[in-house]
Amino acid sequence: MSLIACAFLLASVPLAGQARAAPYTFSTEELVNGFMKTVFGLEYRSWSWQPYLVKKYVGPVRFYVHNLARKNRRPMVYGFIKTIGRDIHGLSTMVVAAPEEANFIVYVVDRDQYDDVVRRYIYKDPKADVPGRCLVRVASDRRGISRSTAVIVSNEGNFLFRRCLVEELLQGLGPMNDDPDLAHSVFNDRSRHSRFTVFDKYILNMLYHRRIKPGMRPKEVEPMLPSIVREIRPLVR
């Protein structure tokens, strides 16, 4: 059985929060807690069966970007895809030439296109209610994520575009849950981060560690996280 889940950004102007810059700032306890809060659970659990399972890609993530917005945002999206591939060890990313080759589709739209694109390509229902300021949908099972689709609004300011780009692409890789206690993370609608923070680099590097497998449950994963944190500390910058 496949898991189909969505996450979306609700707030357009979140409260201020500052990220820590040094890679060794966060304690093991903080990082384990952040992992458990973001990787297990979903913002909207009614859309999912068994949300408390690891969701991740097991092979290369092949992106295709549909730029439907008036402004060409492809260079910025491509740049962030390159950053993901560089900063997450154990994960390979690439941009492909055709949507048929992709397993992660990104739609960049203007606000007046958002509802139609979400209904047509996410819900496939012309009457569906459309939530959020931007959105990502993930299809996954015990073999891993098979496909992610993100919709990002381009024309409501550079801050919101960057925020949505970072949060939705990262959530599309597996950490689907937001939590208001994660002050140093983009996985918190109250924070004001619009970049791939050091804290989130830890979370994603923990998730894509070779010992973490799709379909694992919290009780299987949590005991191994402290040793994984020790292993990845020298890699996170």
C-alpha atoms as a PDB file:
ATOM      1  CA  MET A   1       0.000   0.000   0.000  1.00  0.00           C
ATOM      2  CA  SER A   2       1.258   3.462  -0.885  1.00  0.00           C
ATOM      3  CA  LEU A   3       1.321   6.467   1.390  1.00  0.00           C
ATOM      4  CA  ILE A   4       0.180   9.699  -0.215  1.00  0.00           C
ATOM      5  CA  ALA A   5       0.737  12.709   1.993  1.00  0.00           C
ATOM      6  CA  CYS A   6       0.820  16.450   1.616  1.00  0.00           C
ATOM      7  CA  ALA A   7       2.443  19.249   3.534  1.00  0.00           C
ATOM      8  CA  PHE A   8       1.978  22.932   2.946  1.00  0.00           C
ATOM      9  CA  LEU A   9       2.994  26.331   4.262  1.00  0.00           C
ATOM     10  CA  LEU A  10       0.183  28.233   5.958  1.00  0.00           C
ATOM     11  CA  ALA A  11       1.823  31.444   7.145  1.00  0.00           C
ATOM     12  CA  SER A  12       2.988  34.104   4.699  1.00  0.00           C
ATOM     13  CA  VAL A  13       5.010  36.140   7.230  1.00  0.00           C
ATOM     14  CA  PRO A  14       6.249  33.891  10.072  1.00  0.00           C
ATOM     15  CA  LEU A  15       7.686  35.151  13.324  1.00  0.00           C
ATOM     16  CA  ALA A  16      11.369  35.955  13.500  1.00  0.00           C
ATOM     17  CA  GLY A  17      13.921  33.308  14.439  1.00  0.00           C
ATOM     18  CA  GLN A  18      17.661  33.084  14.046  1.00  0.00           C
ATOM     19  CA  ALA A  19      19.611  30.053  12.836  1.00  0.00           C
ATOM     20  CA  ARG A  20      22.845  28.953  14.445  1.00  0.00           C
ATOM     21  CA  ALA A  21      25.819  28.993  12.144  1.00  0.00           C
ATOM     22  CA  ALA A  22      28.312  26.619  13.735  1.00  0.00           C
ATOM     23  CA  PRO A  23      27.997  22.938  12.781  1.00  0.00           C
ATOM     24  CA  TYR A  24      28.720  21.677  16.321  1.00  0.00           C
ATOM     25  CA  THR A  25      26.286  23.980  18.140  1.00  0.00           C
ATOM     26  CA  PHE A  26      23.423  21.504  18.526  1.00  0.00           C
ATOM     27  CA  SER A  27      23.475  18.777  21.129  1.00  0.00           C
ATOM     28  CA  THR A  28      22.805  15.165  20.230  1.00  0.00           C
ATOM     29  CA  GLU A  29      19.580  15.360  22.234  1.00  0.00           C
ATOM     30  CA  GLU A  30      18.381  18.390  20.241  1.00  0.00           C
ATOM     31  CA  LEU A  31      19.106  16.680  16.937  1.00  0.00           C
ATOM     32  CA  VAL A  32      17.468  13.392  17.897  1.00  0.00           C
ATOM     33  CA  ASN A  33      14.419  15.301  19.110  1.00  0.00           C
ATOM     34  CA  GLY A  34      14.269  17.304  15.878  1.00  0.00           C
ATOM     35  CA  PHE A  35      14.548  14.154  13.781  1.00  0.00           C
ATOM     36  CA  MET A  36      11.745  12.405  15.632  1.00  0.00           C
ATOM     37  CA  LYS A  37       9.483  15.453  15.324  1.00  0.00           C
ATOM     38  CA  THR A  38       9.993  16.023  11.598  1.00  0.00           C
ATOM     39  CA  VAL A  39      10.469  12.536  10.158  1.00  0.00           C
ATOM     40  CA  PHE A  40       7.648  10.841  12.065  1.00  0.00           C
ATOM     41  CA  GLY A  41       4.182  12.243  11.708  1.00  0.00           C
ATOM     42  CA  LEU A  42       2.516  14.553   9.243  1.00  0.00           C
ATOM     43  CA  GLU A  43       1.024  18.007   9.594  1.00  0.00           C
ATOM     44  CA  TYR A  44      -2.267  16.611   8.330  1.00  0.00           C
ATOM     45  CA  ARG A  45      -2.522  13.003   9.437  1.00  0.00           C
ATOM     46  CA  SER A  46      -6.005  12.435   8.029  1.00  0.00           C
ATOM     47  CA  TRP A  47      -4.457  12.341   4.543  1.00  0.00           C
ATOM     48  CA  SER A  48      -2.163   9.441   5.328  1.00  0.00           C
ATOM     49  CA  TRP A  49      -2.129   5.853   6.460  1.00  0.00           C
ATOM     50  CA  GLN A  50       0.443   5.094   9.153  1.00  0.00           C
ATOM     51  CA  PRO A  51       2.306   8.421   9.154  1.00  0.00           C
ATOM     52  CA  TYR A  52       4.816   7.159  11.723  1.00  0.00           C
ATOM     53  CA  LEU A  53       7.089   5.435   9.223  1.00  0.00           C
ATOM     54  CA  VAL A  54      10.370   6.595   7.674  1.00  0.00           C
ATOM     55  CA  LYS A  55       9.874   8.100   4.226  1.00  0.00           C
ATOM     56  CA  LYS A  56      12.931   8.618   1.992  1.00  0.00           C
ATOM     57  CA  TYR A  57      14.234   8.071  -1.519  1.00  0.00           C
ATOM     58  CA  VAL A  58      16.449   5.033  -1.997  1.00  0.00           C
ATOM     59  CA  GLY A  59      17.899   6.039  -5.363  1.00  0.00           C
ATOM     60  CA  PRO A  60      18.729   9.243  -7.242  1.00  0.00           C
ATOM     61  CA  VAL A  61      16.200  12.065  -7.027  1.00  0.00           C
ATOM     62  CA  ARG A  62      15.458  13.210 -10.571  1.00  0.00           C
ATOM     63  CA  PHE A  63      13.929  16.696 -10.657  1.00  0.00           C
ATOM     64  CA  TYR A  64      11.949  18.333 -13.420  1.00  0.00           C
ATOM     65  CA  VAL A  65      10.882  21.975 -13.081  1.00  0.00           C
ATOM     66  CA  HIS A  66       7.757  23.367 -14.787  1.00  0.00           C
ATOM     67  CA  ASN A  67       8.123  27.159 -14.676  1.00  0.00           C
ATOM     68  CA  LEU A  68       4.578  28.369 -15.364  1.00  0.00           C
ATOM     69  CA  ALA A  69       5.118  31.718 -13.632  1.00  0.00           C
ATOM     70  CA  ARG A  70       5.824  34.896 -15.568  1.00  0.00           C
ATOM     71  CA  LYS A  71       9.259  35.207 -13.948  1.00  0.00           C
ATOM     72  CA  ASN A  72      11.802  32.524 -14.783  1.00  0.00           C
ATOM     73  CA  ARG A  73      12.705  30.947 -11.438  1.00  0.00           C
ATOM     74  CA  ARG A  74      14.490  27.925 -12.888  1.00  0.00           C
ATOM     75  CA  PRO A  75      18.033  29.163 -12.092  1.00  0.00           C
ATOM     76  CA  MET A  76      17.185  29.546  -8.394  1.00  0.00           C
ATOM     77  CA  VAL A  77      15.433  26.162  -8.251  1.00  0.00           C
ATOM     78  CA  TYR A  78      18.323  24.469 -10.047  1.00  0.00           C
ATOM     79  CA  GLY A  79      20.759  26.101  -7.651  1.00  0.00           C
ATOM     80  CA  PHE A  80      18.921  24.753  -4.627  1.00  0.00           C
ATOM     81  CA  ILE A  81      18.707  21.271  -6.152  1.00  0.00           C
ATOM     82  CA  LYS A  82      22.496  21.392  -6.538  1.00  0.00           C
ATOM     83  CA  THR A  83      22.817  22.480  -2.897  1.00  0.00           C
ATOM     84  CA  ILE A  84      20.687  19.541  -1.768  1.00  0.00           C
ATOM     85  CA  GLY A  85      22.881  17.084  -3.635  1.00  0.00           C
ATOM     86  CA  ARG A  86      26.046  18.649  -2.215  1.00  0.00           C
ATOM     87  CA  ASP A  87      24.933  18.988   1.408  1.00  0.00           C
ATOM     88  CA  ILE A  88      23.002  15.741   1.967  1.00  0.00           C
ATOM     89  CA  HIS A  89      25.414  12.821   2.033  1.00  0.00           C
ATOM     90  CA  GLY A  90      23.899   9.584   0.800  1.00  0.00           C
ATOM     91  CA  LEU A  91      21.562  11.386  -1.614  1.00  0.00           C
ATOM     92  CA  SER A  92      22.101  12.007  -5.321  1.00  0.00           C
ATOM     93  CA  THR A  93      20.150  14.722  -7.177  1.00  0.00           C
ATOM     94  CA  MET A  94      19.915  15.666 -10.827  1.00  0.00           C
ATOM     95  CA  VAL A  95      17.759  17.727 -13.170  1.00  0.00           C
ATOM     96  CA  VAL A  96      16.297  15.759 -16.078  1.00  0.00           C
ATOM     97  CA  ALA A  97      15.227  16.937 -19.513  1.00  0.00           C
ATOM     98  CA  ALA A  98      11.685  15.538 -19.544  1.00  0.00           C
ATOM     99  CA  PRO A  99       8.984  15.132 -16.882  1.00  0.00           C
ATOM    100  CA  GLU A 100       8.612  11.462 -17.779  1.00  0.00           C
ATOM    101  CA  GLU A 101      12.141  10.873 -16.480  1.00  0.00           C
ATOM    102  CA  ALA A 102      11.512  12.610 -13.145  1.00  0.00           C
ATOM    103  CA  ASN A 103      10.480  11.321  -9.736  1.00  0.00           C
ATOM    104  CA  PHE A 104      10.252  14.821  -8.224  1.00  0.00           C
ATOM    105  CA  ILE A 105       8.208  17.401 -10.132  1.00  0.00           C
ATOM    106  CA  VAL A 106       8.324  21.092  -9.185  1.00  0.00           C
ATOM    107  CA  TYR A 107       5.672  23.529 -10.444  1.00  0.00           C
ATOM    108  CA  VAL A 108       6.581  27.212 -10.126  1.00  0.00           C
ATOM    109  CA  VAL A 109       3.398  29.249 -10.493  1.00  0.00           C
ATOM    110  CA  ASP A 110       1.959  32.697  -9.949  1.00  0.00           C
ATOM    111  CA  ARG A 111      -0.721  33.058  -7.276  1.00  0.00           C
ATOM    112  CA  ASP A 112      -3.585  33.113  -9.793  1.00  0.00           C
ATOM    113  CA  GLN A 113      -2.381  29.748 -11.172  1.00  0.00           C
ATOM    114  CA  TYR A 114      -1.913  28.015  -7.809  1.00  0.00           C
ATOM    115  CA  ASP A 115      -5.419  26.661  -7.181  1.00  0.00           C
ATOM    116  CA  ASP A 116      -5.807  25.292 -10.699  1.00  0.00           C
ATOM    117  CA  VAL A 117      -2.393  23.584 -10.704  1.00  0.00           C
ATOM    118  CA  VAL A 118      -2.967  21.985  -7.288  1.00  0.00           C
ATOM    119  CA  ARG A 119      -6.420  20.722  -8.271  1.00  0.00           C
ATOM    120  CA  ARG A 120      -5.224  19.422 -11.626  1.00  0.00           C
ATOM    121  CA  TYR A 121      -1.856  17.883 -10.759  1.00  0.00           C
ATOM    122  CA  ILE A 122      -1.971  17.208  -7.003  1.00  0.00           C
ATOM    123  CA  TYR A 123      -5.574  16.283  -6.186  1.00  0.00           C
ATOM    124  CA  LYS A 124      -6.796  15.550  -9.739  1.00  0.00           C
ATOM    125  CA  ASP A 125     -10.139  16.939  -8.604  1.00  0.00           C
ATOM    126  CA  PRO A 126     -11.486  20.218 -10.073  1.00  0.00           C
ATOM    127  CA  LYS A 127     -13.594  20.885  -6.954  1.00  0.00           C
ATOM    128  CA  ALA A 128     -10.996  20.148  -4.266  1.00  0.00           C
ATOM    129  CA  ASP A 129     -10.295  22.681  -1.531  1.00  0.00           C
ATOM    130  CA  VAL A 130      -6.774  24.041  -1.969  1.00  0.00           C
ATOM    131  CA  PRO A 131      -4.821  24.719   1.241  1.00  0.00           C
ATOM    132  CA  GLY A 132      -1.729  26.675   2.088  1.00  0.00           C
ATOM    133  CA  ARG A 133       0.651  29.099   0.418  1.00  0.00           C
ATOM    134  CA  CYS A 134       2.647  26.334  -1.257  1.00  0.00           C
ATOM    135  CA  LEU A 135       2.467  22.553  -1.142  1.00  0.00           C
ATOM    136  CA  VAL A 136       4.251  19.235  -1.641  1.00  0.00           C
ATOM    137  CA  ARG A 137       2.736  15.794  -2.149  1.00  0.00           C
ATOM    138  CA  VAL A 138       4.696  12.605  -1.450  1.00  0.00           C
ATOM    139  CA  ALA A 139       3.845   9.067  -2.551  1.00  0.00           C
ATOM    140  CA  SER A 140       5.697   6.446  -0.510  1.00  0.00           C
ATOM    141  CA  ASP A 141       5.588   2.872   0.720  1.00  0.00           C
ATOM    142  CA  ARG A 142       7.979   0.514   2.498  1.00  0.00           C
ATOM    143  CA  ARG A 143      10.273   0.544  -0.529  1.00  0.00           C
ATOM    144  CA  GLY A 144      10.727   4.309  -0.284  1.00  0.00           C
ATOM    145  CA  ILE A 145       9.388   7.468  -1.882  1.00  0.00           C
ATOM    146  CA  SER A 146       8.304   6.836  -5.452  1.00  0.00           C
ATOM    147  CA  ARG A 147       7.306  10.382  -6.383  1.00  0.00           C
ATOM    148  CA  SER A 148       7.058  13.900  -4.977  1.00  0.00           C
ATOM    149  CA  THR A 149       5.295  16.904  -6.487  1.00  0.00           C
ATOM    150  CA  ALA A 150       5.737  20.464  -5.204  1.00  0.00           C
ATOM    151  CA  VAL A 151       3.844  23.632  -6.115  1.00  0.00           C
ATOM    152  CA  ILE A 152       5.604  26.908  -5.276  1.00  0.00           C
ATOM    153  CA  VAL A 153       4.265  30.446  -5.730  1.00  0.00           C
ATOM    154  CA  SER A 154       6.662  32.840  -7.457  1.00  0.00           C
ATOM    155  CA  ASN A 155       5.066  36.290  -7.348  1.00  0.00           C
ATOM    156  CA  GLU A 156       4.413  37.005  -3.663  1.00  0.00           C
ATOM    157  CA  GLY A 157       7.902  38.246  -2.893  1.00  0.00           C
ATOM    158  CA  ASN A 158      11.373  36.748  -2.899  1.00  0.00           C
ATOM    159  CA  PHE A 159      11.261  35.819   0.779  1.00  0.00           C
ATOM    160  CA  LEU A 160       8.132  33.692   0.451  1.00  0.00           C
ATOM    161  CA  PHE A 161       9.421  32.119  -2.761  1.00  0.00           C
ATOM    162  CA  ARG A 162      12.718  31.119  -1.131  1.00  0.00           C
ATOM    163  CA  ARG A 163      10.933  29.923   1.998  1.00  0.00           C
ATOM    164  CA  CYS A 164       8.535  27.742   0.009  1.00  0.00           C
ATOM    165  CA  LEU A 165      11.289  26.447  -2.248  1.00  0.00           C
ATOM    166  CA  VAL A 166      13.432  25.288   0.659  1.00  0.00           C
ATOM    167  CA  GLU A 167      10.657  23.885   2.835  1.00  0.00           C
ATOM    168  CA  GLU A 168       8.679  22.061   0.148  1.00  0.00           C
ATOM    169  CA  LEU A 169      11.678  20.516  -1.605  1.00  0.00           C
ATOM    170  CA  LEU A 170      13.140  19.327   1.693  1.00  0.00           C
ATOM    171  CA  GLN A 171       9.793  17.985   2.904  1.00  0.00           C
ATOM    172  CA  GLY A 172       9.435  16.198  -0.413  1.00  0.00           C
ATOM    173  CA  LEU A 173      12.546  14.203   0.544  1.00  0.00           C
ATOM    174  CA  GLY A 174      10.830  12.743   3.620  1.00  0.00           C
ATOM    175  CA  PRO A 175      10.647  14.966   6.734  1.00  0.00           C
ATOM    176  CA  MET A 176       6.965  15.818   6.350  1.00  0.00           C
ATOM    177  CA  ASN A 177       6.066  17.200   9.760  1.00  0.00           C
ATOM    178  CA  ASP A 178       6.257  20.792  11.014  1.00  0.00           C
ATOM    179  CA  ASP A 179       6.713  21.558  14.704  1.00  0.00           C
ATOM    180  CA  PRO A 180       6.505  24.969  16.430  1.00  0.00           C
ATOM    181  CA  ASP A 181       9.273  24.045  18.887  1.00  0.00           C
ATOM    182  CA  LEU A 182      11.947  23.790  16.169  1.00  0.00           C
ATOM    183  CA  ALA A 183      13.266  27.356  16.297  1.00  0.00           C
ATOM    184  CA  HIS A 184      16.288  26.657  14.083  1.00  0.00           C
ATOM    185  CA  SER A 185      14.387  24.815  11.353  1.00  0.00           C
ATOM    186  CA  VAL A 186      12.417  25.628   8.231  1.00  0.00           C
ATOM    187  CA  PHE A 187      10.066  22.824   9.373  1.00  0.00           C
ATOM    188  CA  ASN A 188       8.259  25.331  11.575  1.00  0.00           C
ATOM    189  CA  ASP A 189       5.704  27.717  10.117  1.00  0.00           C
ATOM    190  CA  ARG A 190       6.496  30.248  12.858  1.00  0.00           C
ATOM    191  CA  SER A 191      10.184  30.535  12.012  1.00  0.00           C
ATOM    192  CA  ARG A 192      11.564  33.047   9.530  1.00  0.00           C
ATOM    193  CA  HIS A 193      14.135  30.858   7.835  1.00  0.00           C
ATOM    194  CA  SER A 194      14.354  30.901   4.051  1.00  0.00           C
ATOM    195  CA  ARG A 195      17.509  28.838   3.618  1.00  0.00           C
ATOM    196  CA  PHE A 196      18.762  25.318   4.270  1.00  0.00           C
ATOM    197  CA  THR A 197      19.759  25.766   7.914  1.00  0.00           C
ATOM    198  CA  VAL A 198      22.521  23.847   9.668  1.00  0.00           C
ATOM    199  CA  PHE A 199      19.908  22.213  11.899  1.00  0.00           C
ATOM    200  CA  ASP A 200      17.974  20.958   8.874  1.00  0.00           C
ATOM    201  CA  LYS A 201      21.166  19.718   7.231  1.00  0.00           C
ATOM    202  CA  TYR A 202      21.648  17.513  10.276  1.00  0.00           C
ATOM    203  CA  ILE A 203      18.076  16.188  10.032  1.00  0.00           C
ATOM    204  CA  LEU A 204      18.410  15.348   6.336  1.00  0.00           C
ATOM    205  CA  ASN A 205      21.854  13.792   6.743  1.00  0.00           C
ATOM    206  CA  MET A 206      20.494  11.643   9.568  1.00  0.00           C
ATOM    207  CA  LEU A 207      17.555  10.575   7.395  1.00  0.00           C
ATOM    208  CA  TYR A 208      19.768   9.681   4.425  1.00  0.00           C
ATOM    209  CA  HIS A 209      22.274   7.756   6.505  1.00  0.00           C
ATOM    210  CA  ARG A 210      22.627   4.211   5.170  1.00  0.00           C
ATOM    211  CA  ARG A 211      21.306   2.656   8.404  1.00  0.00           C
ATOM    212  CA  ILE A 212      17.950   4.425   8.151  1.00  0.00           C
ATOM    213  CA  LYS A 213      15.585   2.436   5.923  1.00  0.00           C
ATOM    214  CA  PRO A 214      12.169   3.289   4.460  1.00  0.00           C
ATOM    215  CA  GLY A 215       9.293   1.935   6.507  1.00  0.00           C
ATOM    216  CA  MET A 216      11.190   1.891   9.811  1.00  0.00           C
ATOM    217  CA  ARG A 217       9.195   2.768  12.919  1.00  0.00           C
ATOM    218  CA  PRO A 218      10.238   5.173  15.690  1.00  0.00           C
ATOM    219  CA  LYS A 219      11.214   2.403  18.100  1.00  0.00           C
ATOM    220  CA  GLU A 220      13.574   0.949  15.475  1.00  0.00           C
ATOM    221  CA  VAL A 221      15.176   4.258  14.567  1.00  0.00           C
ATOM    222  CA  GLU A 222      15.567   6.190  17.816  1.00  0.00           C
ATOM    223  CA  PRO A 223      18.187   3.925  19.480  1.00  0.00           C
ATOM    224  CA  MET A 224      20.590   4.288  16.552  1.00  0.00           C
ATOM    225  CA  LEU A 225      20.314   8.070  16.159  1.00  0.00           C
ATOM    226  CA  PRO A 226      22.984   9.133  18.706  1.00  0.00           C
ATOM    227  CA  SER A 227      25.657   7.105  16.918  1.00  0.00           C
ATOM    228  CA  ILE A 228      24.493   8.432  13.550  1.00  0.00           C
ATOM    229  CA  VAL A 229      24.773  12.003  14.860  1.00  0.00           C
ATOM    230  CA  ARG A 230      28.356  11.341  15.964  1.00  0.00           C
ATOM    231  CA  GLU A 231      29.175   9.954  12.531  1.00  0.00           C
ATOM    232  CA  ILE A 232      27.732  12.831  10.512  1.00  0.00           C
ATOM    233  CA  ARG A 233      28.975  15.756  12.634  1.00  0.00           C
ATOM    234  CA  PRO A 234      32.202  16.191  10.616  1.00  0.00           C
ATOM    235  CA  LEU A 235      30.170  16.215   7.379  1.00  0.00           C
ATOM    236  CA  VAL A 236      27.680  18.981   8.163  1.00  0.00           C
ATOM    237  CA  ARG A 237      28.615  22.577   7.380  1.00  0.00           C
END
